[in-house]
Amino acid sequence: MFLKDLLDPKRSGDAGRFGRVIEASKQQGVEPPGIYYLFAGRPAATPHLCNFMHEVMRGPSELSAGERELIAAFVSARNHCVF
């Protein structure tokens, strides 16, 4: 599966919880965070991705959780992504 397949609007309706969130966001005229397409397209990977992100953002580090959040927000803004 490729990113273009995950962004296919026909797929989002059959993707469970994240598919419903994608549809609801689009009905409100808001583009959902891109990661939701990945969660909807690969639901079995969702818990692993969430655990990974939790470890990266909240695990032991020389940077505080707030500093990591600030970096993530800055990078997302530079990439024109919803954070």
C-alpha atoms as a PDB file:
ATOM      1  CA  MET A   1       0.000   0.000   0.000  1.00  0.00           C
ATOM      2  CA  PHE A   2       1.277   3.441  -0.929  1.00  0.00           C
ATOM      3  CA  LEU A   3       0.434   6.871   0.472  1.00  0.00           C
ATOM      4  CA  LYS A   4      -1.762   7.646  -2.552  1.00  0.00           C
ATOM      5  CA  ASP A   5      -3.811   4.560  -1.633  1.00  0.00           C
ATOM      6  CA  LEU A   6      -4.219   5.770   1.954  1.00  0.00           C
ATOM      7  CA  LEU A   7      -5.410   9.181   0.734  1.00  0.00           C
ATOM      8  CA  ASP A   8      -8.010   7.636  -1.575  1.00  0.00           C
ATOM      9  CA  PRO A   9     -11.365   9.053  -0.388  1.00  0.00           C
ATOM     10  CA  LYS A  10     -13.117   5.757  -1.197  1.00  0.00           C
ATOM     11  CA  ARG A  11     -11.072   3.974   1.494  1.00  0.00           C
ATOM     12  CA  SER A  12     -11.799   6.295   4.403  1.00  0.00           C
ATOM     13  CA  GLY A  13     -15.433   5.206   4.788  1.00  0.00           C
ATOM     14  CA  ASP A  14     -14.530   1.596   5.578  1.00  0.00           C
ATOM     15  CA  ALA A  15     -11.709   2.193   7.998  1.00  0.00           C
ATOM     16  CA  GLY A  16     -13.430   2.041  11.356  1.00  0.00           C
ATOM     17  CA  ARG A  17     -12.995   4.719  13.949  1.00  0.00           C
ATOM     18  CA  PHE A  18     -10.371   6.717  12.069  1.00  0.00           C
ATOM     19  CA  GLY A  19     -12.367   6.491   8.861  1.00  0.00           C
ATOM     20  CA  ARG A  20     -15.312   8.048  10.672  1.00  0.00           C
ATOM     21  CA  VAL A  21     -13.101  10.820  12.068  1.00  0.00           C
ATOM     22  CA  ILE A  22     -11.734  11.505   8.572  1.00  0.00           C
ATOM     23  CA  GLU A  23     -15.239  11.708   7.125  1.00  0.00           C
ATOM     24  CA  ALA A  24     -16.525  13.933   9.938  1.00  0.00           C
ATOM     25  CA  SER A  25     -13.570  16.297   9.560  1.00  0.00           C
ATOM     26  CA  LYS A  26     -14.057  16.580   5.817  1.00  0.00           C
ATOM     27  CA  GLN A  27     -17.777  17.279   6.264  1.00  0.00           C
ATOM     28  CA  GLN A  28     -16.801  20.196   8.504  1.00  0.00           C
ATOM     29  CA  GLY A  29     -14.365  21.443   5.865  1.00  0.00           C
ATOM     30  CA  VAL A  30     -11.314  20.567   7.949  1.00  0.00           C
ATOM     31  CA  GLU A  31      -8.492  18.392   6.637  1.00  0.00           C
ATOM     32  CA  PRO A  32      -7.714  15.754   9.288  1.00  0.00           C
ATOM     33  CA  PRO A  33      -4.145  15.083  10.398  1.00  0.00           C
ATOM     34  CA  GLY A  34      -2.361  12.961   7.793  1.00  0.00           C
ATOM     35  CA  ILE A  35      -1.508  10.257  10.318  1.00  0.00           C
ATOM     36  CA  TYR A  36      -5.223   9.419  10.535  1.00  0.00           C
ATOM     37  CA  TYR A  37      -5.091   8.121   6.961  1.00  0.00           C
ATOM     38  CA  LEU A  38      -2.300   5.766   7.987  1.00  0.00           C
ATOM     39  CA  PHE A  39      -4.264   4.629  11.043  1.00  0.00           C
ATOM     40  CA  ALA A  40      -7.365   4.062   8.906  1.00  0.00           C
ATOM     41  CA  GLY A  41      -5.451   2.251   6.174  1.00  0.00           C
ATOM     42  CA  ARG A  42      -3.401   0.043   8.489  1.00  0.00           C
ATOM     43  CA  PRO A  43      -5.417  -0.444  11.683  1.00  0.00           C
ATOM     44  CA  ALA A  44      -3.195  -3.309  12.888  1.00  0.00           C
ATOM     45  CA  ALA A  45      -0.209  -0.922  12.899  1.00  0.00           C
ATOM     46  CA  THR A  46      -1.995   1.784  14.879  1.00  0.00           C
ATOM     47  CA  PRO A  47      -1.160   0.537  18.417  1.00  0.00           C
ATOM     48  CA  HIS A  48       2.495   0.070  17.470  1.00  0.00           C
ATOM     49  CA  LEU A  49       2.750   3.557  15.962  1.00  0.00           C
ATOM     50  CA  CYS A  50       1.051   5.055  19.011  1.00  0.00           C
ATOM     51  CA  ASN A  51       3.411   3.229  21.372  1.00  0.00           C
ATOM     52  CA  PHE A  52       6.406   4.373  19.318  1.00  0.00           C
ATOM     53  CA  MET A  53       5.270   7.996  19.356  1.00  0.00           C
ATOM     54  CA  HIS A  54       4.571   7.852  23.084  1.00  0.00           C
ATOM     55  CA  GLU A  55       8.102   6.580  23.693  1.00  0.00           C
ATOM     56  CA  VAL A  56       9.628   9.264  21.456  1.00  0.00           C
ATOM     57  CA  MET A  57       7.601  12.092  22.967  1.00  0.00           C
ATOM     58  CA  ARG A  58       7.426  10.989  26.598  1.00  0.00           C
ATOM     59  CA  GLY A  59      10.254   8.498  27.134  1.00  0.00           C
ATOM     60  CA  PRO A  60      13.582   9.270  28.795  1.00  0.00           C
ATOM     61  CA  SER A  61      15.429  12.111  27.073  1.00  0.00           C
ATOM     62  CA  GLU A  62      17.651  15.102  27.710  1.00  0.00           C
ATOM     63  CA  LEU A  63      14.804  17.194  26.271  1.00  0.00           C
ATOM     64  CA  SER A  64      11.677  17.845  28.293  1.00  0.00           C
ATOM     65  CA  ALA A  65       8.320  16.708  26.952  1.00  0.00           C
ATOM     66  CA  GLY A  66       7.469  20.369  26.330  1.00  0.00           C
ATOM     67  CA  GLU A  67      10.631  20.901  24.286  1.00  0.00           C
ATOM     68  CA  ARG A  68       9.828  17.838  22.190  1.00  0.00           C
ATOM     69  CA  GLU A  69       6.272  19.092  21.637  1.00  0.00           C
ATOM     70  CA  LEU A  70       7.652  22.473  20.572  1.00  0.00           C
ATOM     71  CA  ILE A  71       9.998  20.825  18.062  1.00  0.00           C
ATOM     72  CA  ALA A  72       7.155  18.708  16.698  1.00  0.00           C
ATOM     73  CA  ALA A  73       4.901  21.768  16.350  1.00  0.00           C
ATOM     74  CA  PHE A  74       7.646  23.734  14.589  1.00  0.00           C
ATOM     75  CA  VAL A  75       8.417  20.927  12.136  1.00  0.00           C
ATOM     76  CA  SER A  76       4.710  20.403  11.450  1.00  0.00           C
ATOM     77  CA  ALA A  77       4.260  24.135  10.754  1.00  0.00           C
ATOM     78  CA  ARG A  78       7.237  24.135   8.378  1.00  0.00           C
ATOM     79  CA  ASN A  79       5.697  21.154   6.567  1.00  0.00           C
ATOM     80  CA  HIS A  80       2.278  22.854   6.494  1.00  0.00           C
ATOM     81  CA  CYS A  81       0.827  19.965   8.520  1.00  0.00           C
ATOM     82  CA  VAL A  82      -1.846  19.993  11.180  1.00  0.00           C
ATOM     83  CA  PHE A  83      -0.236  19.299  14.559  1.00  0.00           C
END
